[in-house]
């Protein structure tokens, strides 16, 4: 698994995604950046490797799982984007 990290404006490196030639990167066209403590990227890398997935996929699945726990369907959230507020 090939991983890459990059620093932005001297900040901590972001967790990178595996480079793919299968068109996987074409499925996701939006980016999301967060600030995090220095200990988070290595912890995510470790958890992702343990689950046999890329760090990016681990983060995606974690966020989707948390949204569902909070009563938000990510698919419906996109549909109601123009409606103002997302209600659970």
PDB file of N, CA and C in Angstrom:
ATOM      1  N   UNK A   1       0.858  -1.168   0.000  1.00  0.00           N
ATOM      2  CA  UNK A   1       0.000   0.000   0.000  1.00  0.00           C
ATOM      3  C   UNK A   1       0.904   1.231   0.000  1.00  0.00           C
ATOM      4  N   UNK A   2       0.719   2.100  -0.944  1.00  0.00           N
ATOM      5  CA  UNK A   2       1.510   3.311  -1.054  1.00  0.00           C
ATOM      6  C   UNK A   2       0.754   4.461  -0.416  1.00  0.00           C
ATOM      7  N   UNK A   3       1.366   5.090   0.571  1.00  0.00           N
ATOM      8  CA  UNK A   3       0.729   6.199   1.266  1.00  0.00           C
ATOM      9  C   UNK A   3       1.570   7.448   1.029  1.00  0.00           C
ATOM     10  N   UNK A   4       0.929   8.580   1.034  1.00  0.00           N
ATOM     11  CA  UNK A   4       1.664   9.828   0.940  1.00  0.00           C
ATOM     12  C   UNK A   4       1.070  10.821   1.915  1.00  0.00           C
ATOM     13  N   UNK A   5       1.899  11.721   2.393  1.00  0.00           N
ATOM     14  CA  UNK A   5       1.464  12.787   3.289  1.00  0.00           C
ATOM     15  C   UNK A   5       2.001  14.091   2.736  1.00  0.00           C
ATOM     16  N   UNK A   6       1.292  15.152   3.027  1.00  0.00           N
ATOM     17  CA  UNK A   6       1.776  16.450   2.591  1.00  0.00           C
ATOM     18  C   UNK A   6       1.457  17.475   3.671  1.00  0.00           C
ATOM     19  N   UNK A   7       2.344  18.419   3.819  1.00  0.00           N
ATOM     20  CA  UNK A   7       2.115  19.483   4.787  1.00  0.00           C
ATOM     21  C   UNK A   7       1.586  20.702   4.044  1.00  0.00           C
ATOM     22  N   UNK A   8       0.709  21.428   4.695  1.00  0.00           N
ATOM     23  CA  UNK A   8       0.140  22.622   4.097  1.00  0.00           C
ATOM     24  C   UNK A   8       0.477  23.805   4.990  1.00  0.00           C
ATOM     25  N   UNK A   9       1.139  24.791   4.430  1.00  0.00           N
ATOM     26  CA  UNK A   9       1.517  26.000   5.156  1.00  0.00           C
ATOM     27  C   UNK A   9       2.185  25.711   6.489  1.00  0.00           C
ATOM     28  N   UNK A  10       3.061  24.720   6.532  1.00  0.00           N
ATOM     29  CA  UNK A  10       3.802  24.419   7.742  1.00  0.00           C
ATOM     30  C   UNK A  10       2.993  23.706   8.816  1.00  0.00           C
ATOM     31  N   UNK A  11       1.762  23.319   8.511  1.00  0.00           N
ATOM     32  CA  UNK A  11       0.952  22.615   9.496  1.00  0.00           C
ATOM     33  C   UNK A  11       1.301  21.135   9.499  1.00  0.00           C
ATOM     34  N   UNK A  12       0.670  20.394  10.371  1.00  0.00           N
ATOM     35  CA  UNK A  12       0.895  18.959  10.433  1.00  0.00           C
ATOM     36  C   UNK A  12       0.480  18.313   9.117  1.00  0.00           C
ATOM     37  N   UNK A  13       1.142  17.229   8.739  1.00  0.00           N
ATOM     38  CA  UNK A  13       0.775  16.545   7.499  1.00  0.00           C
ATOM     39  C   UNK A  13      -0.647  16.007   7.561  1.00  0.00           C
ATOM     40  N   UNK A  14      -1.288  15.954   6.406  1.00  0.00           N
ATOM     41  CA  UNK A  14      -2.616  15.375   6.298  1.00  0.00           C
ATOM     42  C   UNK A  14      -2.487  13.884   6.061  1.00  0.00           C
ATOM     43  N   UNK A  15      -3.484  13.139   6.461  1.00  0.00           N
ATOM     44  CA  UNK A  15      -3.492  11.720   6.165  1.00  0.00           C
ATOM     45  C   UNK A  15      -3.753  11.584   4.681  1.00  0.00           C
ATOM     46  N   UNK A  16      -2.922  10.845   3.979  1.00  0.00           N
ATOM     47  CA  UNK A  16      -3.049  10.713   2.531  1.00  0.00           C
ATOM     48  C   UNK A  16      -3.843   9.492   2.136  1.00  0.00           C
ATOM     49  N   UNK A  17      -4.164   9.408   0.885  1.00  0.00           N
ATOM     50  CA  UNK A  17      -4.899   8.262   0.356  1.00  0.00           C
ATOM     51  C   UNK A  17      -3.987   7.457  -0.552  1.00  0.00           C
ATOM     52  N   UNK A  18      -4.281   6.198  -0.691  1.00  0.00           N
ATOM     53  CA  UNK A  18      -3.513   5.327  -1.572  1.00  0.00           C
ATOM     54  C   UNK A  18      -3.737   5.786  -3.008  1.00  0.00           C
ATOM     55  N   UNK A  19      -2.675   5.815  -3.764  1.00  0.00           N
ATOM     56  CA  UNK A  19      -2.787   6.166  -5.167  1.00  0.00           C
ATOM     57  C   UNK A  19      -3.420   4.993  -5.896  1.00  0.00           C
ATOM     58  N   UNK A  20      -4.368   5.278  -6.742  1.00  0.00           N
ATOM     59  CA  UNK A  20      -5.115   4.205  -7.395  1.00  0.00           C
ATOM     60  C   UNK A  20      -5.166   4.420  -8.896  1.00  0.00           C
ATOM     61  N   UNK A  21      -5.045   3.331  -9.627  1.00  0.00           N
ATOM     62  CA  UNK A  21      -5.184   3.397 -11.078  1.00  0.00           C
ATOM     63  C   UNK A  21      -6.502   2.778 -11.515  1.00  0.00           C
ATOM     64  N   UNK A  22      -7.350   2.407 -10.552  1.00  0.00           N
ATOM     65  CA  UNK A  22      -8.611   1.744 -10.880  1.00  0.00           C
ATOM     66  C   UNK A  22      -9.748   2.731 -11.046  1.00  0.00           C
ATOM     67  N   UNK A  23      -9.474   4.002 -10.959  1.00  0.00           N
ATOM     68  CA  UNK A  23     -10.533   4.990 -11.075  1.00  0.00           C
ATOM     69  C   UNK A  23     -11.200   5.284  -9.749  1.00  0.00           C
ATOM     70  N   UNK A  24     -10.673   4.687  -8.671  1.00  0.00           N
ATOM     71  CA  UNK A  24     -11.255   4.905  -7.336  1.00  0.00           C
ATOM     72  C   UNK A  24     -11.298   6.390  -6.992  1.00  0.00           C
ATOM     73  N   UNK A  25     -10.258   7.114  -7.338  1.00  0.00           N
ATOM     74  CA  UNK A  25     -10.206   8.532  -7.003  1.00  0.00           C
ATOM     75  C   UNK A  25     -11.217   9.348  -7.803  1.00  0.00           C
ATOM     76  N   UNK A  26     -11.719   8.812  -8.889  1.00  0.00           N
ATOM     77  CA  UNK A  26     -12.704   9.526  -9.685  1.00  0.00           C
ATOM     78  C   UNK A  26     -14.087   9.512  -9.039  1.00  0.00           C
ATOM     79  N   UNK A  27     -14.338   8.573  -8.126  1.00  0.00           N
ATOM     80  CA  UNK A  27     -15.641   8.490  -7.470  1.00  0.00           C
ATOM     81  C   UNK A  27     -15.851   9.642  -6.491  1.00  0.00           C
ATOM     82  N   UNK A  28     -14.784  10.117  -5.889  1.00  0.00           N
ATOM     83  CA  UNK A  28     -14.878  11.160  -4.876  1.00  0.00           C
ATOM     84  C   UNK A  28     -14.220  12.425  -5.402  1.00  0.00           C
ATOM     85  N   UNK A  29     -15.022  13.443  -5.636  1.00  0.00           N
ATOM     86  CA  UNK A  29     -14.484  14.660  -6.235  1.00  0.00           C
ATOM     87  C   UNK A  29     -14.338  15.800  -5.244  1.00  0.00           C
ATOM     88  N   UNK A  30     -14.909  15.684  -4.049  1.00  0.00           N
ATOM     89  CA  UNK A  30     -14.798  16.737  -3.044  1.00  0.00           C
ATOM     90  C   UNK A  30     -13.721  16.405  -2.030  1.00  0.00           C
ATOM     91  N   UNK A  31     -13.105  17.446  -1.489  1.00  0.00           N
ATOM     92  CA  UNK A  31     -12.076  17.288  -0.458  1.00  0.00           C
ATOM     93  C   UNK A  31     -12.563  17.894   0.840  1.00  0.00           C
ATOM     94  N   UNK A  32     -12.102  17.346   1.939  1.00  0.00           N
ATOM     95  CA  UNK A  32     -12.418  17.843   3.267  1.00  0.00           C
ATOM     96  C   UNK A  32     -11.113  17.906   4.049  1.00  0.00           C
ATOM     97  N   UNK A  33     -10.809  19.061   4.603  1.00  0.00           N
ATOM     98  CA  UNK A  33      -9.579  19.217   5.391  1.00  0.00           C
ATOM     99  C   UNK A  33      -9.945  19.543   6.820  1.00  0.00           C
ATOM    100  N   UNK A  34      -9.207  18.943   7.737  1.00  0.00           N
ATOM    101  CA  UNK A  34      -9.428  19.228   9.150  1.00  0.00           C
ATOM    102  C   UNK A  34      -8.093  19.502   9.830  1.00  0.00           C
ATOM    103  N   UNK A  35      -8.159  20.189  10.937  1.00  0.00           N
ATOM    104  CA  UNK A  35      -6.983  20.359  11.784  1.00  0.00           C
ATOM    105  C   UNK A  35      -7.077  19.280  12.850  1.00  0.00           C
ATOM    106  N   UNK A  36      -5.934  18.728  13.221  1.00  0.00           N
ATOM    107  CA  UNK A  36      -5.958  17.659  14.212  1.00  0.00           C
ATOM    108  C   UNK A  36      -4.661  17.646  15.004  1.00  0.00           C
ATOM    109  N   UNK A  37      -4.695  16.990  16.163  1.00  0.00           N
ATOM    110  CA  UNK A  37      -3.454  16.860  16.930  1.00  0.00           C
ATOM    111  C   UNK A  37      -2.470  15.953  16.183  1.00  0.00           C
ATOM    112  N   UNK A  38      -1.205  16.128  16.457  1.00  0.00           N
ATOM    113  CA  UNK A  38      -0.162  15.369  15.758  1.00  0.00           C
ATOM    114  C   UNK A  38      -0.316  13.863  15.942  1.00  0.00           C
ATOM    115  N   UNK A  39      -0.955  13.433  17.006  1.00  0.00           N
ATOM    116  CA  UNK A  39      -1.100  12.000  17.276  1.00  0.00           C
ATOM    117  C   UNK A  39      -2.189  11.335  16.437  1.00  0.00           C
ATOM    118  N   UNK A  40      -3.077  12.114  15.833  1.00  0.00           N
ATOM    119  CA  UNK A  40      -4.204  11.529  15.107  1.00  0.00           C
ATOM    120  C   UNK A  40      -3.814  10.826  13.794  1.00  0.00           C
ATOM    121  N   UNK A  41      -3.012  11.432  12.908  1.00  0.00           N
ATOM    122  CA  UNK A  41      -2.666  10.738  11.659  1.00  0.00           C
ATOM    123  C   UNK A  41      -2.019   9.366  11.859  1.00  0.00           C
ATOM    124  N   UNK A  42      -1.047   9.216  12.785  1.00  0.00           N
ATOM    125  CA  UNK A  42      -0.488   7.865  12.949  1.00  0.00           C
ATOM    126  C   UNK A  42      -1.510   6.873  13.528  1.00  0.00           C
ATOM    127  N   UNK A  43      -2.395   7.357  14.386  1.00  0.00           N
ATOM    128  CA  UNK A  43      -3.434   6.484  14.943  1.00  0.00           C
ATOM    129  C   UNK A  43      -4.386   6.023  13.843  1.00  0.00           C
ATOM    130  N   UNK A  44      -4.739   6.918  12.941  1.00  0.00           N
ATOM    131  CA  UNK A  44      -5.615   6.576  11.814  1.00  0.00           C
ATOM    132  C   UNK A  44      -4.911   5.597  10.888  1.00  0.00           C
ATOM    133  N   UNK A  45      -3.633   5.842  10.602  1.00  0.00           N
ATOM    134  CA  UNK A  45      -2.861   4.926   9.757  1.00  0.00           C
ATOM    135  C   UNK A  45      -2.859   3.519  10.344  1.00  0.00           C
ATOM    136  N   UNK A  46      -2.645   3.424  11.647  1.00  0.00           N
ATOM    137  CA  UNK A  46      -2.592   2.130  12.329  1.00  0.00           C
ATOM    138  C   UNK A  46      -3.946   1.422  12.263  1.00  0.00           C
ATOM    139  N   UNK A  47      -5.024   2.149  12.553  1.00  0.00           N
ATOM    140  CA  UNK A  47      -6.366   1.563  12.523  1.00  0.00           C
ATOM    141  C   UNK A  47      -6.747   1.143  11.104  1.00  0.00           C
ATOM    142  N   UNK A  48      -6.388   1.959  10.124  1.00  0.00           N
ATOM    143  CA  UNK A  48      -6.698   1.634   8.729  1.00  0.00           C
ATOM    144  C   UNK A  48      -5.970   0.369   8.300  1.00  0.00           C
ATOM    145  N   UNK A  49      -4.697   0.264   8.628  1.00  0.00           N
ATOM    146  CA  UNK A  49      -3.926  -0.922   8.270  1.00  0.00           C
ATOM    147  C   UNK A  49      -4.511  -2.163   8.936  1.00  0.00           C
ATOM    148  N   UNK A  50      -4.929  -2.014  10.185  1.00  0.00           N
ATOM    149  CA  UNK A  50      -5.533  -3.130  10.921  1.00  0.00           C
ATOM    150  C   UNK A  50      -6.813  -3.609  10.235  1.00  0.00           C
ATOM    151  N   UNK A  51      -7.534  -2.697   9.590  1.00  0.00           N
ATOM    152  CA  UNK A  51      -8.783  -3.022   8.908  1.00  0.00           C
ATOM    153  C   UNK A  51      -8.608  -3.214   7.404  1.00  0.00           C
ATOM    154  N   UNK A  52      -7.340  -3.293   6.959  1.00  0.00           N
ATOM    155  CA  UNK A  52      -7.006  -3.535   5.554  1.00  0.00           C
ATOM    156  C   UNK A  52      -7.659  -2.539   4.604  1.00  0.00           C
ATOM    157  N   UNK A  53      -7.546  -1.265   4.951  1.00  0.00           N
ATOM    158  CA  UNK A  53      -8.067  -0.209   4.080  1.00  0.00           C
ATOM    159  C   UNK A  53      -7.130   0.982   4.119  1.00  0.00           C
ATOM    160  N   UNK A  54      -7.331   1.904   3.196  1.00  0.00           N
ATOM    161  CA  UNK A  54      -6.515   3.112   3.191  1.00  0.00           C
ATOM    162  C   UNK A  54      -6.957   4.023   4.326  1.00  0.00           C
ATOM    163  N   UNK A  55      -6.106   4.949   4.674  1.00  0.00           N
ATOM    164  CA  UNK A  55      -6.452   5.923   5.705  1.00  0.00           C
ATOM    165  C   UNK A  55      -7.655   6.759   5.283  1.00  0.00           C
ATOM    166  N   UNK A  56      -7.695   7.127   4.018  1.00  0.00           N
ATOM    167  CA  UNK A  56      -8.816   7.926   3.515  1.00  0.00           C
ATOM    168  C   UNK A  56     -10.128   7.160   3.630  1.00  0.00           C
ATOM    169  N   UNK A  57     -10.112   5.871   3.282  1.00  0.00           N
ATOM    170  CA  UNK A  57     -11.329   5.064   3.383  1.00  0.00           C
ATOM    171  C   UNK A  57     -11.743   4.884   4.840  1.00  0.00           C
ATOM    172  N   UNK A  58     -10.773   4.698   5.713  1.00  0.00           N
ATOM    173  CA  UNK A  58     -11.065   4.559   7.144  1.00  0.00           C
ATOM    174  C   UNK A  58     -11.770   5.813   7.667  1.00  0.00           C
ATOM    175  N   UNK A  59     -11.269   6.969   7.281  1.00  0.00           N
ATOM    176  CA  UNK A  59     -11.874   8.234   7.711  1.00  0.00           C
ATOM    177  C   UNK A  59     -13.275   8.371   7.129  1.00  0.00           C
ATOM    178  N   UNK A  60     -13.437   8.081   5.825  1.00  0.00           N
ATOM    179  CA  UNK A  60     -14.765   8.149   5.202  1.00  0.00           C
ATOM    180  C   UNK A  60     -15.759   7.263   5.939  1.00  0.00           C
ATOM    181  N   UNK A  61     -15.375   6.002   6.182  1.00  0.00           N
ATOM    182  CA  UNK A  61     -16.275   5.066   6.852  1.00  0.00           C
ATOM    183  C   UNK A  61     -16.588   5.514   8.276  1.00  0.00           C
ATOM    184  N   UNK A  62     -15.613   6.066   8.971  1.00  0.00           N
ATOM    185  CA  UNK A  62     -15.822   6.546  10.346  1.00  0.00           C
ATOM    186  C   UNK A  62     -16.818   7.701  10.378  1.00  0.00           C
ATOM    187  N   UNK A  63     -16.662   8.640   9.459  1.00  0.00           N
ATOM    188  CA  UNK A  63     -17.572   9.787   9.405  1.00  0.00           C
ATOM    189  C   UNK A  63     -18.981   9.336   9.023  1.00  0.00           C
ATOM    190  N   UNK A  64     -19.089   8.453   8.025  1.00  0.00           N
ATOM    191  CA  UNK A  64     -20.408   7.949   7.627  1.00  0.00           C
ATOM    192  C   UNK A  64     -21.087   7.222   8.786  1.00  0.00           C
ATOM    193  N   UNK A  65     -20.329   6.426   9.507  1.00  0.00           N
ATOM    194  CA  UNK A  65     -20.878   5.700  10.648  1.00  0.00           C
ATOM    195  C   UNK A  65     -21.388   6.667  11.716  1.00  0.00           C
ATOM    196  N   UNK A  66     -20.605   7.698  12.005  1.00  0.00           N
ATOM    197  CA  UNK A  66     -21.002   8.675  13.024  1.00  0.00           C
ATOM    198  C   UNK A  66     -22.236   9.459  12.581  1.00  0.00           C
ATOM    199  N   UNK A  67     -22.314   9.821  11.309  1.00  0.00           N
ATOM    200  CA  UNK A  67     -23.495  10.521  10.806  1.00  0.00           C
ATOM    201  C   UNK A  67     -24.747   9.663  10.995  1.00  0.00           C
ATOM    202  N   UNK A  68     -24.629   8.388  10.676  1.00  0.00           N
ATOM    203  CA  UNK A  68     -25.777   7.484  10.848  1.00  0.00           C
ATOM    204  C   UNK A  68     -26.156   7.359  12.319  1.00  0.00           C
ATOM    205  N   UNK A  69     -25.159   7.293  13.215  1.00  0.00           N
ATOM    206  CA  UNK A  69     -25.430   7.231  14.651  1.00  0.00           C
ATOM    207  C   UNK A  69     -26.169   8.477  15.122  1.00  0.00           C
ATOM    208  N   UNK A  70     -25.886   9.594  14.483  1.00  0.00           N
ATOM    209  CA  UNK A  70     -26.535  10.861  14.833  1.00  0.00           C
ATOM    210  C   UNK A  70     -27.879  11.027  14.130  1.00  0.00           C
ATOM    211  N   UNK A  71     -28.308   9.991  13.411  1.00  0.00           N
ATOM    212  CA  UNK A  71     -29.604  10.034  12.753  1.00  0.00           C
ATOM    213  C   UNK A  71     -29.622  10.775  11.434  1.00  0.00           C
ATOM    214  N   UNK A  72     -28.455  10.935  10.823  1.00  0.00           N
ATOM    215  CA  UNK A  72     -28.366  11.644   9.546  1.00  0.00           C
ATOM    216  C   UNK A  72     -27.979  10.658   8.461  1.00  0.00           C
ATOM    217  N   UNK A  73     -28.782  10.591   7.414  1.00  0.00           N
ATOM    218  CA  UNK A  73     -28.479   9.750   6.260  1.00  0.00           C
ATOM    219  C   UNK A  73     -27.696  10.608   5.272  1.00  0.00           C
ATOM    220  N   UNK A  74     -26.402  10.302   5.071  1.00  0.00           N
ATOM    221  CA  UNK A  74     -25.583  11.133   4.178  1.00  0.00           C
ATOM    222  C   UNK A  74     -26.165  11.283   2.777  1.00  0.00           C
ATOM    223  N   UNK A  75     -26.829  10.272   2.251  1.00  0.00           N
ATOM    224  CA  UNK A  75     -27.450  10.364   0.924  1.00  0.00           C
ATOM    225  C   UNK A  75     -28.585  11.359   0.919  1.00  0.00           C
ATOM    226  N   UNK A  76     -29.412  11.339   1.973  1.00  0.00           N
ATOM    227  CA  UNK A  76     -30.521  12.285   2.068  1.00  0.00           C
ATOM    228  C   UNK A  76     -30.024  13.691   2.349  1.00  0.00           C
ATOM    229  N   UNK A  77     -28.913  13.807   3.071  1.00  0.00           N
ATOM    230  CA  UNK A  77     -28.351  15.125   3.374  1.00  0.00           C
ATOM    231  C   UNK A  77     -27.999  15.856   2.084  1.00  0.00           C
ATOM    232  N   UNK A  78     -27.469  15.144   1.115  1.00  0.00           N
ATOM    233  CA  UNK A  78     -27.116  15.741  -0.172  1.00  0.00           C
ATOM    234  C   UNK A  78     -28.371  16.197  -0.910  1.00  0.00           C
ATOM    235  N   UNK A  79     -29.425  15.397  -0.859  1.00  0.00           N
ATOM    236  CA  UNK A  79     -30.664  15.738  -1.549  1.00  0.00           C
ATOM    237  C   UNK A  79     -31.327  16.962  -0.940  1.00  0.00           C
ATOM    238  N   UNK A  80     -31.234  17.123   0.369  1.00  0.00           N
ATOM    239  CA  UNK A  80     -31.904  18.236   1.036  1.00  0.00           C
ATOM    240  C   UNK A  80     -30.988  19.444   1.217  1.00  0.00           C
ATOM    241  N   UNK A  81     -29.839  19.429   0.556  1.00  0.00           N
ATOM    242  CA  UNK A  81     -28.859  20.516   0.683  1.00  0.00           C
ATOM    243  C   UNK A  81     -29.478  21.872   0.404  1.00  0.00           C
ATOM    244  N   UNK A  82     -30.316  21.967  -0.588  1.00  0.00           N
ATOM    245  CA  UNK A  82     -30.943  23.226  -0.940  1.00  0.00           C
ATOM    246  C   UNK A  82     -32.085  23.599  -0.014  1.00  0.00           C
ATOM    247  N   UNK A  83     -32.502  22.679   0.847  1.00  0.00           N
ATOM    248  CA  UNK A  83     -33.638  22.930   1.723  1.00  0.00           C
ATOM    249  C   UNK A  83     -33.242  23.664   3.003  1.00  0.00           C
ATOM    250  N   UNK A  84     -31.983  23.992   3.157  1.00  0.00           N
ATOM    251  CA  UNK A  84     -31.554  24.725   4.347  1.00  0.00           C
ATOM    252  C   UNK A  84     -30.966  23.818   5.396  1.00  0.00           C
ATOM    253  N   UNK A  85     -31.782  23.302   6.284  1.00  0.00           N
ATOM    254  CA  UNK A  85     -31.293  22.513   7.392  1.00  0.00           C
ATOM    255  C   UNK A  85     -31.590  21.033   7.183  1.00  0.00           C
ATOM    256  N   UNK A  86     -30.707  20.195   7.664  1.00  0.00           N
ATOM    257  CA  UNK A  86     -30.891  18.750   7.586  1.00  0.00           C
ATOM    258  C   UNK A  86     -31.542  18.313   8.884  1.00  0.00           C
ATOM    259  N   UNK A  87     -32.684  17.673   8.794  1.00  0.00           N
ATOM    260  CA  UNK A  87     -33.327  17.190  10.006  1.00  0.00           C
ATOM    261  C   UNK A  87     -33.219  15.680  10.090  1.00  0.00           C
ATOM    262  N   UNK A  88     -32.900  15.180  11.294  1.00  0.00           N
ATOM    263  CA  UNK A  88     -32.720  13.731  11.478  1.00  0.00           C
ATOM    264  C   UNK A  88     -33.997  12.962  11.291  1.00  0.00           C
TER     265      UNK A  88
END
